[in-house]
Protein backbone atom coordinates (compact mmCIF):
# COMPACT_ATOMS: atom_id res chain seq x y z
CA UNK A 1 112.01 59.04 100.77
CA UNK A 2 112.10 62.83 100.64
CA UNK A 3 108.47 63.07 99.56
CA UNK A 4 107.29 61.22 102.72
CA UNK A 5 108.80 63.61 105.27
CA UNK A 6 106.33 65.28 107.60
CA UNK A 7 105.42 68.72 106.20
CA UNK A 8 106.52 71.80 108.08
CA UNK A 9 103.88 74.34 109.17
CA UNK A 10 104.97 76.62 106.33
CA UNK A 11 102.68 78.29 103.80
CA UNK A 12 104.20 79.06 100.41
CA UNK A 13 102.56 81.90 98.50
CA UNK A 14 103.46 81.63 94.82
CA UNK A 15 103.18 84.49 92.37
CA UNK A 16 103.89 88.13 91.69
CA UNK A 17 105.35 89.86 88.69
CA UNK A 18 102.78 92.64 88.98
CA UNK A 19 101.16 94.31 91.98
CA UNK A 20 97.79 93.00 90.82
CA UNK A 21 98.94 89.43 91.39
CA UNK A 22 101.04 90.08 94.49
CA UNK A 23 98.85 92.34 96.65
CA UNK A 24 96.12 89.71 97.24
CA UNK A 25 98.86 87.33 98.41
CA UNK A 26 100.18 89.91 100.85
CA UNK A 27 96.63 90.44 102.12
CA UNK A 28 96.20 86.71 102.76
CA UNK A 29 99.58 86.58 104.50
CA UNK A 30 98.49 89.44 106.77
CA UNK A 31 95.29 87.54 107.62
CA UNK A 32 97.27 84.42 108.52
CA UNK A 33 99.62 86.40 110.76
CA UNK A 34 96.69 88.15 112.45
CA UNK A 35 95.28 84.73 113.40
CA UNK A 36 98.59 83.56 114.84
CA UNK A 37 100.43 81.86 111.96
CA UNK A 38 104.09 82.77 112.59
CA UNK A 39 105.32 85.35 110.13
CA UNK A 40 108.58 83.48 109.67
CA UNK A 41 106.59 80.44 108.49
CA UNK A 42 105.04 82.29 105.53
CA UNK A 43 107.31 82.20 102.49
CA UNK A 44 106.77 83.90 99.11
CA UNK A 45 108.10 82.59 95.79
CA UNK A 46 108.06 84.74 92.68
CA UNK A 47 109.96 86.32 89.82
CA UNK A 48 113.37 87.95 89.86
CA UNK A 49 111.92 90.72 87.68
CA UNK A 50 108.71 91.39 89.58
CA UNK A 51 107.51 93.92 92.15
CA UNK A 52 107.82 91.22 94.82
CA UNK A 53 111.57 91.91 94.96
CA UNK A 54 110.74 95.14 96.80
CA UNK A 55 107.26 94.67 98.24
CA UNK A 56 107.65 91.29 99.97
CA UNK A 57 110.77 92.17 102.02
CA UNK A 58 109.16 95.51 102.90
CA UNK A 59 106.19 93.59 104.30
CA UNK A 60 108.57 91.48 106.40
CA UNK A 61 108.19 88.10 104.67
CA UNK A 62 110.80 85.76 103.25
CA UNK A 63 111.16 85.60 99.47
CA UNK A 64 112.67 83.19 96.96
CA UNK A 65 112.79 84.28 93.33
CA UNK A 66 113.29 82.47 90.04
CA UNK A 67 114.32 83.59 86.54
CA UNK A 68 111.80 84.08 83.81
CA UNK A 69 109.23 86.50 82.46
CA UNK A 70 105.95 86.22 80.59
CA UNK A 71 105.85 85.45 76.89
CA UNK A 72 103.48 86.17 74.03
CA UNK A 73 101.93 82.89 72.94
CA UNK A 74 100.72 84.43 69.70
CA UNK A 75 104.18 85.41 68.52
CA UNK A 76 107.15 83.30 67.43
CA UNK A 77 110.43 85.00 68.23
CA UNK A 78 113.88 84.36 69.66
CA UNK A 79 112.97 86.43 72.74
CA UNK A 80 109.90 84.30 73.32
CA UNK A 81 112.06 81.17 73.14
CA UNK A 82 114.47 82.63 75.68
CA UNK A 83 111.59 83.55 77.98
CA UNK A 84 110.12 80.06 77.71
CA UNK A 85 113.47 78.44 78.54
CA UNK A 86 113.83 80.70 81.58
CA UNK A 87 110.35 79.73 82.76
CA UNK A 88 111.21 76.04 82.41
CA UNK A 89 114.46 76.55 84.33
CA UNK A 90 112.54 78.45 87.00
CA UNK A 91 110.05 75.58 87.29
CA UNK A 92 112.89 73.12 87.90
CA UNK A 93 114.25 75.33 90.67
CA UNK A 94 110.75 75.80 92.05
CA UNK A 95 110.12 72.05 92.26
CA UNK A 96 113.43 71.59 94.06
CA UNK A 97 112.57 74.42 96.47
CA UNK A 98 109.19 72.93 97.34
CA UNK A 99 110.80 69.56 98.11
CA UNK A 100 113.47 71.32 100.21
CA UNK A 101 111.07 73.54 102.20
CA UNK A 102 108.39 70.82 102.47
CA UNK A 103 105.45 73.20 103.09
CA UNK A 104 102.04 72.39 104.51
CA UNK A 105 100.21 74.19 101.69
CA UNK A 106 100.86 76.33 98.60
CA UNK A 107 98.74 79.30 97.54
CA UNK A 108 98.90 80.05 93.79
CA UNK A 109 98.23 83.68 92.80
CA UNK A 110 98.34 83.07 89.05
CA UNK A 111 100.68 84.33 86.33
CA UNK A 112 103.99 82.88 85.17
CA UNK A 113 105.64 83.81 88.50
CA UNK A 114 103.36 81.34 90.30
CA UNK A 115 104.32 78.35 88.14
CA UNK A 116 107.53 77.14 89.83
CA UNK A 117 106.16 76.61 93.34
CA UNK A 118 102.71 75.53 92.08
CA UNK A 119 104.13 72.82 89.82
CA UNK A 120 106.29 71.72 92.75
CA UNK A 121 103.18 71.43 94.90
CA UNK A 122 101.45 69.27 92.28
CA UNK A 123 104.48 66.98 91.91
CA UNK A 124 104.86 66.60 95.67
CA UNK A 125 101.11 66.23 96.36
CA UNK A 126 101.19 69.28 98.62
CA UNK A 127 97.73 70.89 98.94
CA UNK A 128 97.41 73.60 96.29
CA UNK A 129 94.92 76.45 96.77
CA UNK A 130 94.32 78.84 93.89
CA UNK A 131 93.48 82.52 94.36
CA UNK A 132 92.13 84.10 91.17
CA UNK A 133 91.85 87.90 91.15
CA UNK A 134 89.85 88.34 87.94
CA UNK A 135 86.38 87.48 86.68
CA UNK A 136 88.06 85.50 83.87
CA UNK A 137 90.80 83.17 85.08
CA UNK A 138 94.42 83.40 83.96
CA UNK A 139 95.96 80.68 81.80
CA UNK A 140 98.18 79.56 84.68
CA UNK A 141 95.25 79.12 87.04
CA UNK A 142 93.15 77.38 84.39
CA UNK A 143 95.97 74.89 83.83
CA UNK A 144 96.53 74.25 87.54
CA UNK A 145 92.97 74.30 88.88
CA UNK A 146 92.34 70.64 88.05
CA UNK A 147 95.07 69.78 90.58
CA UNK A 148 93.96 72.26 93.24
CA UNK A 149 92.01 71.46 96.39
CA UNK A 150 89.93 74.60 95.85
CA UNK A 151 89.86 77.74 93.70
CA UNK A 152 89.10 81.00 95.53
CA UNK A 153 87.48 83.39 93.05
CA UNK A 154 85.94 86.89 93.08
CA UNK A 155 82.66 85.55 91.64
CA UNK A 156 81.53 82.14 90.45
CA UNK A 157 81.97 81.59 86.73
CA UNK A 158 85.68 82.17 86.17
CA UNK A 159 86.08 78.78 84.52
CA UNK A 160 88.15 77.19 87.30
CA UNK A 161 87.49 73.83 88.91
CA UNK A 162 86.08 73.68 92.47
CA UNK A 163 85.28 77.39 92.69
CA UNK A 164 84.49 79.09 96.00
CA UNK A 165 83.43 82.74 95.85
CA UNK A 166 85.56 84.49 98.46
CA UNK A 167 85.92 87.88 96.83
CA UNK A 168 89.30 89.36 95.99
CA UNK A 169 91.69 89.72 98.97
CA UNK A 170 92.76 93.31 99.67
CA UNK A 171 95.14 94.77 102.23
CA UNK A 172 93.97 95.96 105.64
CA UNK A 173 94.94 99.52 104.74
CA UNK A 174 92.16 99.55 102.11
CA UNK A 175 89.53 98.98 104.80
CA UNK A 176 91.25 101.53 107.03
CA UNK A 177 91.19 104.16 104.26
CA UNK A 178 87.37 104.17 104.26
CA UNK A 179 87.23 106.31 107.36
CA UNK A 180 90.09 108.69 106.63
CA UNK A 181 88.65 110.89 103.89
CA UNK A 182 88.99 114.22 105.71
CA UNK A 183 92.27 113.29 107.39
CA UNK A 184 93.83 112.30 104.06
CA UNK A 185 92.65 115.49 102.37
CA UNK A 186 94.14 117.59 105.15
CA UNK A 187 97.42 115.67 104.99
CA UNK A 188 97.61 116.05 101.20
CA UNK A 189 96.54 119.69 101.21
CA UNK A 190 93.39 118.89 99.25
CA UNK A 191 90.66 121.44 100.16
CA UNK A 192 87.46 119.89 101.48
CA UNK A 193 85.22 121.81 99.07
CA UNK A 194 87.21 120.81 95.98
CA UNK A 195 86.17 117.69 94.08
CA UNK A 196 89.08 115.28 93.58
CA UNK A 197 89.54 113.07 90.53
CA UNK A 198 92.19 110.35 90.92
CA UNK A 199 93.57 109.02 87.62
CA UNK A 200 95.93 106.03 87.48
CA UNK A 201 96.97 103.18 85.23
CA UNK A 202 99.10 100.81 87.31
CA UNK A 203 102.77 100.90 88.27
CA UNK A 204 103.93 101.27 84.66
CA UNK A 205 101.05 103.56 83.72
CA UNK A 206 98.57 103.53 80.85
CA UNK A 207 99.83 105.38 77.77
CA UNK A 208 96.41 106.06 76.24
CA UNK A 209 95.08 107.41 79.54
CA UNK A 210 98.13 109.60 80.07
CA UNK A 211 97.84 111.05 76.57
CA UNK A 212 94.16 111.84 77.09
CA UNK A 213 94.89 113.67 80.35
CA UNK A 214 97.75 115.72 78.92
CA UNK A 215 95.71 116.53 75.82
CA UNK A 216 93.00 118.02 78.05
CA UNK A 217 95.29 120.55 79.72
CA UNK A 218 93.28 123.57 78.57
CA UNK A 219 90.04 122.03 79.84
CA UNK A 220 91.61 121.03 83.15
CA UNK A 221 92.78 124.59 83.76
CA UNK A 222 89.23 125.92 83.36
CA UNK A 223 87.92 123.71 86.19
CA UNK A 224 89.53 125.26 89.31
CA UNK A 225 87.03 123.56 91.63
CA UNK A 226 88.31 120.13 90.56
CA UNK A 227 91.69 118.76 91.63
CA UNK A 228 93.18 116.29 89.11
CA UNK A 229 95.52 113.84 90.88
CA UNK A 230 97.36 111.83 88.22
CA UNK A 231 99.49 108.77 88.95
CA UNK A 232 101.48 108.71 85.69
CA UNK A 233 103.47 105.50 86.11
CA UNK A 234 107.09 104.67 85.40
CA UNK A 235 106.89 104.27 81.63
CA UNK A 236 105.69 107.79 80.70
CA UNK A 237 107.05 109.75 83.64
CA UNK A 238 109.82 111.47 81.69
CA UNK A 239 107.33 112.50 78.96
CA UNK A 240 104.99 114.39 81.30
CA UNK A 241 104.49 118.16 80.83
CA UNK A 242 106.47 120.23 83.33
CA UNK A 243 103.49 122.49 84.00
CA UNK A 244 99.96 121.50 83.03
CA UNK A 245 97.65 123.48 85.37
CA UNK A 246 97.58 124.73 88.95
CA UNK A 247 94.85 122.22 89.81
CA UNK A 248 96.78 119.28 88.37
CA UNK A 249 99.14 117.15 90.48
CA UNK A 250 101.30 114.43 88.91
CA UNK A 251 103.20 111.69 90.74
CA UNK A 252 105.14 108.78 89.28
CA UNK A 253 103.81 106.21 91.75
CA UNK A 254 101.54 106.39 94.81
CA UNK A 255 102.51 103.97 97.58
CA UNK A 256 99.43 105.10 99.50
CA UNK A 257 96.88 104.83 96.68
CA UNK A 258 94.08 103.34 98.84
CA UNK A 259 94.03 106.50 100.98
CA UNK A 260 94.11 108.66 97.85
CA UNK A 261 91.10 106.76 96.50
CA UNK A 262 89.35 106.92 99.85
CA UNK A 263 89.55 110.73 99.69
CA UNK A 264 88.46 110.96 96.05
CA UNK A 265 85.12 111.86 94.51
CA UNK A 266 85.78 110.03 91.24
CA UNK A 267 88.42 107.65 89.87
CA UNK A 268 89.54 106.87 86.30
CA UNK A 269 91.62 103.74 85.78
CA UNK A 270 92.14 100.33 84.21
CA UNK A 271 90.11 97.37 85.49
CA UNK A 272 92.57 94.97 87.10
CA UNK A 273 91.15 92.58 89.67
CA UNK A 274 92.73 94.24 92.71
CA UNK A 275 91.79 97.72 91.46
CA UNK A 276 88.13 96.76 91.02
CA UNK A 277 88.05 95.11 94.46
CA UNK A 278 89.53 98.18 96.16
CA UNK A 279 87.13 100.56 94.39
CA UNK A 280 84.25 98.34 95.45
CA UNK A 281 85.26 98.39 99.12
CA UNK A 282 86.05 102.11 99.12
CA UNK A 283 82.77 102.82 97.28
CA UNK A 284 84.35 105.25 94.84
CA UNK A 285 82.38 106.02 91.65
CA UNK A 286 84.66 105.38 88.70
CA UNK A 287 85.25 105.30 84.96
CA UNK A 288 86.86 102.01 83.99
CA UNK A 289 88.92 101.73 80.81
CA UNK A 290 89.72 98.02 80.38
CA UNK A 291 93.05 97.08 78.85
CA UNK A 292 91.99 96.04 75.33
CA UNK A 293 94.52 93.21 74.94
CA UNK A 294 94.25 91.75 78.48
CA UNK A 295 94.46 87.92 78.39
CA UNK A 296 91.04 86.27 78.13
CA UNK A 297 89.54 89.79 78.09
CA UNK A 298 89.57 89.64 81.89
CA UNK A 299 89.62 93.42 82.47
CA UNK A 300 86.41 93.88 80.50
CA UNK A 301 84.75 91.21 82.63
CA UNK A 302 86.11 92.79 85.82
CA UNK A 303 84.69 96.16 84.77
CA UNK A 304 81.31 94.61 84.02
CA UNK A 305 81.13 93.33 87.60
CA UNK A 306 81.37 96.88 88.95
CA UNK A 307 79.19 98.40 86.25
CA UNK A 308 76.45 95.92 87.14
CA UNK A 309 75.81 97.67 90.47
CA UNK A 310 76.14 101.18 89.06
CA UNK A 311 79.43 102.06 90.79
CA UNK A 312 81.43 102.05 87.59
CA UNK A 313 80.99 103.08 83.99
CA UNK A 314 82.96 101.48 81.14
CA UNK A 315 84.68 103.37 78.33
CA UNK A 316 86.50 101.50 75.57
CA UNK A 317 90.17 102.32 75.19
CA UNK A 318 89.57 103.01 71.49
CA UNK A 319 87.02 105.71 72.46
CA UNK A 320 89.31 107.40 74.97
CA UNK A 321 90.66 110.85 74.12
CA UNK A 322 90.82 114.23 75.83
CA UNK A 323 87.26 115.14 74.76
CA UNK A 324 85.62 111.95 76.02
CA UNK A 325 87.69 112.05 79.21
CA UNK A 326 86.52 115.55 80.20
CA UNK A 327 82.95 114.78 79.17
CA UNK A 328 82.83 111.76 81.47
CA UNK A 329 84.36 113.71 84.36
CA UNK A 330 81.87 116.56 83.96
CA UNK A 331 78.98 114.10 83.79
CA UNK A 332 80.08 112.22 86.94
CA UNK A 333 80.89 115.28 89.06
CA UNK A 334 77.81 117.14 87.89
CA UNK A 335 75.68 114.40 89.41
CA UNK A 336 77.37 114.88 92.80
CA UNK A 337 78.00 111.12 92.99
CA UNK A 338 77.23 109.34 96.22
CA UNK A 339 79.46 106.54 97.44
CA UNK A 340 77.84 103.18 96.83
CA UNK A 341 76.82 101.08 99.83
CA UNK A 342 76.39 97.70 98.18
CA UNK A 343 78.85 95.00 97.12
CA UNK A 344 79.19 93.43 93.69
CA UNK A 345 77.63 90.26 95.09
CA UNK A 346 76.10 90.37 98.56
CA UNK A 347 76.94 86.69 99.00
CA UNK A 348 80.67 87.36 98.75
CA UNK A 349 82.28 87.71 102.21
CA UNK A 350 83.48 91.22 102.98
CA UNK A 351 86.84 90.01 104.29
CA UNK A 352 88.12 87.99 101.33
CA UNK A 353 91.66 87.72 102.71
CA UNK A 354 90.36 85.92 105.78
CA UNK A 355 88.15 83.70 103.62
CA UNK A 356 91.16 82.59 101.54
CA UNK A 357 93.35 82.10 104.60
CA UNK A 358 90.56 79.94 106.04
CA UNK A 359 90.79 77.70 102.97
CA UNK A 360 94.55 77.40 103.42
CA UNK A 361 94.23 76.37 107.07
CA UNK A 362 91.46 73.94 106.22
CA UNK A 363 93.61 72.11 103.66
CA UNK A 364 97.08 72.43 105.21
CA UNK A 365 98.72 69.14 106.17
CA UNK A 366 100.34 70.72 109.22
CA UNK A 367 99.49 73.91 111.10
CA UNK A 368 101.23 75.69 114.01
CA UNK A 369 100.15 74.38 117.41
CA UNK A 370 99.47 77.87 118.76
CA UNK A 371 97.35 79.03 115.84
CA UNK A 372 94.03 80.61 116.80
CA UNK A 373 91.91 77.93 115.16
CA UNK A 374 88.68 79.54 116.29
CA UNK A 375 89.51 82.47 113.98
CA UNK A 376 89.14 80.09 111.05
CA UNK A 377 86.44 77.80 112.34
CA UNK A 378 88.96 74.94 112.13
CA UNK A 379 88.68 71.78 114.22
């Protein structure tokens, strides 16, 4: 029978759609490769509409995509019905793909893009490992965790079954950015004596944050000793002012955001799981503006993790405008903020990507013979 074939030493990483879901998966894949797992034996599965279409091939990994997109469970509409049917069709293709590839383990990153391969893993009894990026688990991960061998979480208390606090996996370049502050400033043309505020809202951008920045143009211009670096995002890029101030720099997207943050004095942003993890590692003081309609209010809970140690302050989206934005910036920079030296939870391993990859190796049915098992503490 097809289900009894010996598994191949292949790891499937399921998920994507947004960078917040995908980047931790790429970080885990990098950790596996660093320990000797062949790159060609790490396979991603995600959405045809997601950022994985570009980011996974750029990272040098194989990718299989499925149709479908997220849907609003609170709304009844024809579009929602179409989206649901596409997800179901994608799950059927995902199950078939898992049986065809016959992997040793499947890592689920959460979100609708992770469903096809994860459901396939459950049906085929392939070890399923969940990686949750947020302090409050996604609906997909909550549904699947009862079938998972283990749930890797940023902190205990996400609501998943068999939680292990690993932290949130981040890319190697985030750790590397910690020591490049002066080099990055020189490369970007940012003067050393100028304080830099980095403002961003994800790949699409945050409309309320963008409006607050643009509404503060007069105030920005009167602060020549502060450089405002604004990652606008795709959605509002065409609406940006052509000229706002000499000390204001706008970009649509920053492919090197970790280095930008590593050279910053203050950051203003949403509170996605990957964003909070990167700010924590880079020790950048920040103002977090949680997305008010994030599922399960997970961005608020993410922000509270960082606020608990004093590295981040929370401002409600409903309270955000140009006046409150400038007031918070003046308050933070006036205190000459020092980069924090402590983690959200000292018990969480610093290298979360390695911790998650360790769980994969520990539960995989088959692993490459030349893998550096000592790197994982495996027998």
